[in-house]
N, C-alpha and C. Protein backbone atom coordinates (compact mmCIF):
# COMPACT_ATOMS: atom_id res chain seq x y z
N MET A 1 -67.54 -53.92 100.70
CA MET A 1 -68.21 -55.01 100.05
C MET A 1 -67.64 -55.23 98.65
N ASP A 2 -66.86 -54.29 98.17
CA ASP A 2 -66.32 -54.41 96.81
C ASP A 2 -65.37 -55.57 96.66
N ASN A 3 -64.63 -55.93 97.70
CA ASN A 3 -63.63 -56.97 97.60
C ASN A 3 -64.16 -58.35 97.97
N MET A 4 -65.45 -58.49 98.15
CA MET A 4 -66.03 -59.78 98.52
C MET A 4 -66.12 -60.70 97.31
N SER A 5 -65.94 -61.97 97.59
CA SER A 5 -66.18 -62.95 96.54
C SER A 5 -67.69 -63.12 96.39
N ARG A 6 -68.11 -63.73 95.31
CA ARG A 6 -69.56 -63.97 95.11
C ARG A 6 -70.13 -64.78 96.27
N LYS A 7 -69.37 -65.77 96.73
CA LYS A 7 -69.83 -66.64 97.81
C LYS A 7 -70.00 -65.83 99.11
N GLN A 8 -69.04 -64.97 99.42
CA GLN A 8 -69.13 -64.13 100.62
C GLN A 8 -70.31 -63.17 100.53
N ARG A 9 -70.47 -62.56 99.36
CA ARG A 9 -71.57 -61.62 99.18
C ARG A 9 -72.91 -62.31 99.34
N ARG A 10 -73.03 -63.49 98.74
CA ARG A 10 -74.27 -64.27 98.83
C ARG A 10 -74.59 -64.59 100.29
N ARG A 11 -73.58 -65.00 101.04
CA ARG A 11 -73.76 -65.32 102.46
C ARG A 11 -74.19 -64.07 103.24
N THR A 12 -73.58 -62.96 102.95
CA THR A 12 -73.93 -61.70 103.63
C THR A 12 -75.37 -61.30 103.32
N MET A 13 -75.75 -61.35 102.06
CA MET A 13 -77.10 -60.93 101.67
C MET A 13 -78.16 -61.87 102.24
N ARG A 14 -77.86 -63.13 102.34
CA ARG A 14 -78.83 -64.08 102.89
C ARG A 14 -79.07 -63.88 104.38
N ARG A 15 -78.12 -63.26 105.06
CA ARG A 15 -78.29 -63.00 106.49
C ARG A 15 -79.24 -61.85 106.77
N ASN A 16 -79.55 -61.06 105.75
CA ASN A 16 -80.51 -59.98 105.93
C ASN A 16 -81.89 -60.58 106.13
N LYS A 17 -82.51 -60.23 107.24
CA LYS A 17 -83.82 -60.80 107.52
C LYS A 17 -84.90 -59.75 107.35
N PRO A 18 -86.11 -60.19 107.02
CA PRO A 18 -87.18 -59.23 106.73
C PRO A 18 -87.86 -58.65 107.96
N LYS A 19 -87.75 -59.30 109.12
CA LYS A 19 -88.40 -58.76 110.31
C LYS A 19 -87.53 -58.98 111.52
N ASN A 20 -87.85 -58.20 112.58
CA ASN A 20 -87.09 -58.21 113.82
C ASN A 20 -85.62 -57.83 113.58
N THR A 21 -85.43 -56.86 112.72
CA THR A 21 -84.09 -56.36 112.44
C THR A 21 -83.62 -55.48 113.59
N LYS A 22 -82.34 -55.18 113.65
CA LYS A 22 -81.82 -54.31 114.72
C LYS A 22 -82.51 -52.95 114.73
N PRO A 23 -82.70 -52.29 113.56
CA PRO A 23 -83.40 -51.01 113.59
C PRO A 23 -84.85 -51.15 114.10
N GLU A 24 -85.52 -52.21 113.70
CA GLU A 24 -86.90 -52.42 114.15
C GLU A 24 -86.94 -52.64 115.66
N LEU A 25 -86.04 -53.44 116.19
CA LEU A 25 -85.99 -53.67 117.64
C LEU A 25 -85.71 -52.37 118.39
N ALA A 26 -84.84 -51.53 117.82
CA ALA A 26 -84.53 -50.25 118.45
C ALA A 26 -85.75 -49.34 118.48
N VAL A 27 -86.52 -49.31 117.39
CA VAL A 27 -87.73 -48.48 117.36
C VAL A 27 -88.74 -48.99 118.37
N ARG A 28 -88.90 -50.30 118.47
CA ARG A 28 -89.84 -50.85 119.44
C ARG A 28 -89.44 -50.49 120.87
N LYS A 29 -88.15 -50.49 121.15
CA LYS A 29 -87.69 -50.10 122.48
C LYS A 29 -88.01 -48.62 122.74
N ILE A 30 -87.77 -47.79 121.75
CA ILE A 30 -88.09 -46.36 121.90
C ILE A 30 -89.58 -46.18 122.17
N LEU A 31 -90.42 -46.88 121.44
CA LEU A 31 -91.87 -46.77 121.64
C LEU A 31 -92.26 -47.18 123.06
N ARG A 32 -91.70 -48.28 123.55
CA ARG A 32 -91.99 -48.70 124.93
C ARG A 32 -91.50 -47.66 125.93
N ASP A 33 -90.28 -47.14 125.71
CA ASP A 33 -89.72 -46.13 126.62
C ASP A 33 -90.57 -44.86 126.65
N LEU A 34 -91.18 -44.53 125.51
CA LEU A 34 -92.02 -43.34 125.43
C LEU A 34 -93.42 -43.57 126.02
N GLY A 35 -93.71 -44.80 126.36
CA GLY A 35 -95.02 -45.10 126.92
C GLY A 35 -96.06 -45.43 125.86
N PHE A 36 -95.62 -45.95 124.72
CA PHE A 36 -96.54 -46.33 123.65
C PHE A 36 -96.46 -47.84 123.39
N PRO A 37 -96.80 -48.65 124.40
CA PRO A 37 -96.80 -50.10 124.18
C PRO A 37 -98.11 -50.50 123.49
N GLY A 38 -98.37 -51.78 123.43
CA GLY A 38 -99.65 -52.26 122.92
C GLY A 38 -99.72 -52.39 121.41
N TYR A 39 -98.58 -52.44 120.77
CA TYR A 39 -98.57 -52.60 119.32
C TYR A 39 -98.57 -54.08 118.95
N ARG A 40 -98.89 -54.33 117.72
CA ARG A 40 -98.81 -55.66 117.14
C ARG A 40 -97.74 -55.62 116.05
N LEU A 41 -97.25 -56.79 115.68
CA LEU A 41 -96.14 -56.84 114.73
C LEU A 41 -96.54 -57.54 113.43
N HIS A 42 -96.03 -57.01 112.34
CA HIS A 42 -96.05 -57.67 111.03
C HIS A 42 -97.42 -58.23 110.64
N ARG A 43 -98.39 -57.34 110.58
CA ARG A 43 -99.75 -57.76 110.24
C ARG A 43 -99.87 -58.00 108.74
N ARG A 44 -99.93 -59.25 108.35
CA ARG A 44 -99.94 -59.63 106.94
C ARG A 44 -101.19 -59.17 106.19
N GLU A 45 -102.28 -58.96 106.94
CA GLU A 45 -103.51 -58.57 106.25
C GLU A 45 -103.49 -57.11 105.81
N LEU A 46 -102.50 -56.35 106.25
CA LEU A 46 -102.37 -54.94 105.86
C LEU A 46 -101.37 -54.81 104.71
N PRO A 47 -101.60 -53.87 103.80
CA PRO A 47 -100.66 -53.67 102.69
C PRO A 47 -99.25 -53.40 103.20
N GLY A 48 -98.29 -54.12 102.66
CA GLY A 48 -96.90 -53.91 103.01
C GLY A 48 -96.45 -54.62 104.27
N THR A 49 -97.35 -55.33 104.95
CA THR A 49 -97.04 -56.00 106.22
C THR A 49 -96.24 -55.05 107.13
N PRO A 50 -96.90 -54.02 107.65
CA PRO A 50 -96.19 -53.03 108.48
C PRO A 50 -95.44 -53.68 109.64
N ASP A 51 -94.31 -53.09 110.00
CA ASP A 51 -93.49 -53.62 111.08
C ASP A 51 -94.18 -53.50 112.43
N ILE A 52 -94.85 -52.37 112.66
CA ILE A 52 -95.49 -52.09 113.94
C ILE A 52 -96.88 -51.56 113.66
N VAL A 53 -97.88 -52.10 114.37
CA VAL A 53 -99.27 -51.73 114.11
C VAL A 53 -99.99 -51.46 115.43
N TYR A 54 -100.65 -50.31 115.51
CA TYR A 54 -101.55 -49.99 116.61
C TYR A 54 -102.96 -50.08 116.03
N LEU A 55 -103.60 -51.23 116.24
CA LEU A 55 -104.88 -51.51 115.60
C LEU A 55 -105.97 -50.50 115.97
N GLN A 56 -106.16 -50.23 117.27
CA GLN A 56 -107.25 -49.35 117.68
C GLN A 56 -107.04 -47.91 117.24
N LYS A 57 -105.80 -47.47 117.18
CA LYS A 57 -105.50 -46.10 116.76
C LYS A 57 -105.35 -45.97 115.26
N LYS A 58 -105.38 -47.11 114.55
CA LYS A 58 -105.17 -47.16 113.10
C LYS A 58 -103.86 -46.47 112.70
N ILE A 59 -102.80 -46.88 113.39
CA ILE A 59 -101.46 -46.35 113.14
C ILE A 59 -100.56 -47.52 112.72
N VAL A 60 -99.81 -47.30 111.66
CA VAL A 60 -98.80 -48.28 111.26
C VAL A 60 -97.45 -47.58 111.15
N ILE A 61 -96.42 -48.33 111.49
CA ILE A 61 -95.05 -47.82 111.42
C ILE A 61 -94.23 -48.79 110.59
N PHE A 62 -93.57 -48.23 109.59
CA PHE A 62 -92.61 -49.00 108.80
C PHE A 62 -91.22 -48.57 109.24
N VAL A 63 -90.35 -49.53 109.44
CA VAL A 63 -88.94 -49.25 109.74
C VAL A 63 -88.16 -49.70 108.52
N HIS A 64 -87.66 -48.71 107.77
CA HIS A 64 -86.99 -49.00 106.50
C HIS A 64 -85.48 -48.96 106.64
N GLY A 65 -84.84 -49.98 106.10
CA GLY A 65 -83.39 -49.98 106.01
C GLY A 65 -82.97 -49.05 104.88
N CYS A 66 -81.92 -48.30 105.09
CA CYS A 66 -81.49 -47.30 104.10
C CYS A 66 -81.11 -47.94 102.77
N PHE A 67 -80.48 -49.10 102.79
CA PHE A 67 -80.11 -49.73 101.53
C PHE A 67 -81.33 -50.29 100.81
N TRP A 68 -82.11 -51.11 101.47
CA TRP A 68 -83.19 -51.85 100.81
C TRP A 68 -84.32 -50.96 100.30
N HIS A 69 -84.44 -49.77 100.87
CA HIS A 69 -85.51 -48.87 100.45
C HIS A 69 -84.96 -47.59 99.81
N ALA A 70 -83.69 -47.60 99.46
CA ALA A 70 -83.03 -46.51 98.72
C ALA A 70 -83.24 -45.15 99.38
N CYS A 71 -82.76 -45.03 100.61
CA CYS A 71 -82.92 -43.80 101.39
C CYS A 71 -82.26 -42.61 100.70
N THR A 72 -83.00 -41.51 100.66
CA THR A 72 -82.45 -40.27 100.11
C THR A 72 -82.12 -39.29 101.23
N LYS A 73 -82.38 -39.66 102.49
CA LYS A 73 -82.14 -38.78 103.63
C LYS A 73 -80.67 -38.75 104.06
N CYS A 74 -79.97 -39.84 103.81
CA CYS A 74 -78.58 -39.92 104.28
C CYS A 74 -77.65 -40.26 103.12
N GLY A 75 -76.40 -40.21 103.35
CA GLY A 75 -75.43 -40.51 102.31
C GLY A 75 -75.02 -41.97 102.28
N ARG A 76 -75.68 -42.80 103.10
CA ARG A 76 -75.29 -44.21 103.18
C ARG A 76 -75.64 -45.02 101.94
N PHE A 77 -76.77 -44.69 101.34
CA PHE A 77 -77.22 -45.51 100.22
C PHE A 77 -76.32 -45.30 99.01
N GLN A 78 -75.82 -46.39 98.50
CA GLN A 78 -75.05 -46.38 97.25
C GLN A 78 -75.50 -47.55 96.41
N MET A 79 -75.71 -47.30 95.15
CA MET A 79 -76.07 -48.37 94.23
C MET A 79 -74.88 -49.33 94.15
N PRO A 80 -75.12 -50.62 94.29
CA PRO A 80 -74.02 -51.59 94.17
C PRO A 80 -73.30 -51.45 92.83
N LYS A 81 -72.02 -51.75 92.85
CA LYS A 81 -71.20 -51.59 91.65
C LYS A 81 -71.29 -52.80 90.72
N THR A 82 -71.74 -53.93 91.24
CA THR A 82 -71.90 -55.11 90.40
C THR A 82 -73.38 -55.38 90.18
N ARG A 83 -73.69 -56.05 89.09
CA ARG A 83 -75.07 -56.40 88.73
C ARG A 83 -75.98 -55.17 88.81
N LYS A 84 -75.49 -54.08 88.25
CA LYS A 84 -76.19 -52.80 88.34
C LYS A 84 -77.63 -52.86 87.85
N LYS A 85 -77.85 -53.53 86.74
CA LYS A 85 -79.20 -53.61 86.18
C LYS A 85 -80.16 -54.31 87.15
N PHE A 86 -79.71 -55.42 87.72
CA PHE A 86 -80.51 -56.16 88.69
C PHE A 86 -80.86 -55.29 89.90
N TRP A 87 -79.83 -54.66 90.49
CA TRP A 87 -80.05 -53.89 91.72
C TRP A 87 -80.89 -52.65 91.46
N LYS A 88 -80.68 -52.02 90.32
CA LYS A 88 -81.48 -50.83 89.99
C LYS A 88 -82.96 -51.20 89.95
N LYS A 89 -83.30 -52.27 89.25
CA LYS A 89 -84.69 -52.71 89.16
C LYS A 89 -85.22 -53.13 90.53
N LYS A 90 -84.44 -53.92 91.26
CA LYS A 90 -84.85 -54.41 92.58
C LYS A 90 -85.19 -53.26 93.51
N LEU A 91 -84.31 -52.29 93.61
CA LEU A 91 -84.50 -51.17 94.53
C LEU A 91 -85.61 -50.23 94.06
N GLU A 92 -85.70 -50.01 92.75
CA GLU A 92 -86.80 -49.19 92.23
C GLU A 92 -88.14 -49.86 92.50
N ASP A 93 -88.20 -51.18 92.35
CA ASP A 93 -89.43 -51.92 92.66
C ASP A 93 -89.79 -51.79 94.14
N ASN A 94 -88.78 -51.85 95.02
CA ASN A 94 -89.03 -51.69 96.46
C ASN A 94 -89.64 -50.32 96.74
N VAL A 95 -89.06 -49.28 96.17
CA VAL A 95 -89.55 -47.91 96.39
C VAL A 95 -90.97 -47.77 95.86
N GLU A 96 -91.21 -48.30 94.69
CA GLU A 96 -92.56 -48.23 94.09
C GLU A 96 -93.58 -48.98 94.95
N ARG A 97 -93.21 -50.14 95.42
CA ARG A 97 -94.10 -50.92 96.29
C ARG A 97 -94.38 -50.17 97.59
N ASP A 98 -93.36 -49.52 98.15
CA ASP A 98 -93.57 -48.71 99.36
C ASP A 98 -94.60 -47.61 99.12
N LYS A 99 -94.50 -46.92 97.98
CA LYS A 99 -95.45 -45.85 97.64
C LYS A 99 -96.87 -46.40 97.51
N LYS A 100 -96.98 -47.52 96.82
CA LYS A 100 -98.30 -48.14 96.62
C LYS A 100 -98.92 -48.54 97.96
N ASN A 101 -98.13 -49.15 98.84
CA ASN A 101 -98.64 -49.56 100.15
C ASN A 101 -99.05 -48.36 100.99
N LEU A 102 -98.27 -47.29 100.93
CA LEU A 102 -98.61 -46.06 101.64
C LEU A 102 -99.96 -45.53 101.16
N GLU A 103 -100.15 -45.49 99.86
CA GLU A 103 -101.43 -45.03 99.30
C GLU A 103 -102.59 -45.90 99.76
N LEU A 104 -102.42 -47.22 99.67
CA LEU A 104 -103.49 -48.14 100.06
C LEU A 104 -103.85 -47.97 101.54
N LEU A 105 -102.86 -47.81 102.37
CA LEU A 105 -103.11 -47.65 103.80
C LEU A 105 -103.82 -46.33 104.10
N THR A 106 -103.32 -45.24 103.52
CA THR A 106 -103.93 -43.94 103.82
C THR A 106 -105.34 -43.85 103.25
N GLU A 107 -105.58 -44.48 102.09
CA GLU A 107 -106.93 -44.49 101.51
C GLU A 107 -107.93 -45.22 102.39
N THR A 108 -107.45 -46.16 103.18
CA THR A 108 -108.35 -46.92 104.05
C THR A 108 -108.32 -46.42 105.50
N GLY A 109 -107.80 -45.20 105.69
CA GLY A 109 -107.89 -44.55 106.99
C GLY A 109 -106.77 -44.80 107.97
N TRP A 110 -105.69 -45.40 107.53
CA TRP A 110 -104.55 -45.64 108.42
C TRP A 110 -103.63 -44.43 108.42
N ASN A 111 -103.06 -44.14 109.58
CA ASN A 111 -102.01 -43.13 109.71
C ASN A 111 -100.68 -43.86 109.64
N VAL A 112 -99.82 -43.38 108.77
CA VAL A 112 -98.58 -44.10 108.49
C VAL A 112 -97.38 -43.23 108.80
N VAL A 113 -96.41 -43.82 109.46
CA VAL A 113 -95.12 -43.15 109.66
C VAL A 113 -94.04 -44.12 109.21
N THR A 114 -93.06 -43.58 108.49
CA THR A 114 -91.91 -44.37 108.06
C THR A 114 -90.69 -43.87 108.82
N ILE A 115 -90.01 -44.77 109.46
CA ILE A 115 -88.79 -44.44 110.19
C ILE A 115 -87.63 -45.09 109.43
N TRP A 116 -86.65 -44.26 109.10
CA TRP A 116 -85.48 -44.75 108.36
C TRP A 116 -84.40 -45.18 109.34
N GLU A 117 -83.68 -46.18 108.96
CA GLU A 117 -82.56 -46.70 109.75
C GLU A 117 -81.63 -45.57 110.21
N CYS A 118 -81.34 -44.64 109.33
CA CYS A 118 -80.41 -43.55 109.65
C CYS A 118 -80.97 -42.61 110.73
N GLU A 119 -82.28 -42.56 110.89
CA GLU A 119 -82.88 -41.69 111.91
C GLU A 119 -82.58 -42.17 113.32
N LEU A 120 -82.19 -43.42 113.46
CA LEU A 120 -81.88 -43.97 114.78
C LEU A 120 -80.59 -43.39 115.36
N GLU A 121 -79.80 -42.74 114.50
CA GLU A 121 -78.57 -42.12 114.98
C GLU A 121 -78.85 -40.94 115.90
N ASN A 122 -80.01 -40.31 115.72
CA ASN A 122 -80.39 -39.18 116.57
C ASN A 122 -81.70 -39.55 117.28
N SER A 123 -81.57 -40.33 118.36
CA SER A 123 -82.76 -40.87 119.02
C SER A 123 -83.62 -39.77 119.65
N SER A 124 -83.01 -38.66 120.10
CA SER A 124 -83.82 -37.60 120.71
C SER A 124 -84.73 -36.95 119.66
N SER A 125 -84.22 -36.76 118.47
CA SER A 125 -85.03 -36.21 117.39
C SER A 125 -86.14 -37.19 117.00
N LEU A 126 -85.81 -38.46 116.93
CA LEU A 126 -86.80 -39.48 116.60
C LEU A 126 -87.89 -39.55 117.66
N LYS A 127 -87.49 -39.46 118.93
CA LYS A 127 -88.48 -39.49 120.02
C LYS A 127 -89.44 -38.31 119.92
N LYS A 128 -88.91 -37.13 119.62
CA LYS A 128 -89.77 -35.95 119.45
C LYS A 128 -90.75 -36.16 118.29
N ARG A 129 -90.23 -36.69 117.21
CA ARG A 129 -91.07 -36.94 116.04
C ARG A 129 -92.19 -37.93 116.36
N LEU A 130 -91.88 -38.99 117.10
CA LEU A 130 -92.89 -39.99 117.46
C LEU A 130 -93.92 -39.41 118.43
N ARG A 131 -93.48 -38.61 119.38
CA ARG A 131 -94.43 -37.97 120.30
C ARG A 131 -95.40 -37.09 119.52
N ARG A 132 -94.88 -36.30 118.58
CA ARG A 132 -95.75 -35.45 117.75
C ARG A 132 -96.71 -36.30 116.94
N PHE A 133 -96.20 -37.38 116.36
CA PHE A 133 -97.04 -38.25 115.53
C PHE A 133 -98.19 -38.82 116.35
N PHE A 134 -97.91 -39.23 117.58
CA PHE A 134 -98.94 -39.79 118.44
C PHE A 134 -99.80 -38.70 119.10
N GLY A 135 -99.43 -37.43 118.88
CA GLY A 135 -100.21 -36.33 119.40
C GLY A 135 -100.03 -36.14 120.89
N LYS A 136 -98.89 -36.55 121.39
CA LYS A 136 -98.63 -36.44 122.84
C LYS A 136 -97.22 -35.93 123.06
N ASP A 137 -97.13 -34.79 123.70
CA ASP A 137 -95.80 -34.35 124.14
C ASP A 137 -95.43 -35.06 125.42
N ASP A 138 -96.47 -35.44 126.18
CA ASP A 138 -96.27 -36.18 127.40
C ASP A 138 -96.89 -37.56 127.24
N PRO A 139 -96.10 -38.62 127.20
CA PRO A 139 -96.65 -39.95 126.97
C PRO A 139 -97.68 -40.38 128.02
N ALA A 140 -97.64 -39.80 129.19
CA ALA A 140 -98.59 -40.17 130.24
C ALA A 140 -99.95 -39.51 130.03
N ALA A 141 -99.99 -38.50 129.15
CA ALA A 141 -101.25 -37.76 128.95
C ALA A 141 -102.27 -38.57 128.18
């Protein structure tokens, strides 16, 4: 991305969409494959507009992109080299907002799980984590 013109960079950044991203679609497929259908999407009335919501179980799932949410789990996240002040504030604000939304949700009785984009590289590990989170080793149980 370093060699992009401003116009190219702007076009690339504008293509990033807030919902129905590839990582989100992948997580939804995993949930269906595990036998956990019945979720709702992008509930605006909840703090942070969670990506996936199980209303009756009071479970919300956020699918975070490693760049936009400043992932510390993988080595992918790098602060952009241009407009450093802008990006530093933007990403710090995103992280702070994520923390605030997590607090608001847990205070009101919601169970929250955050899945990072990089976790999709090891789907078997992610599947185990989701089964544990839902309290089922066997999705049919």
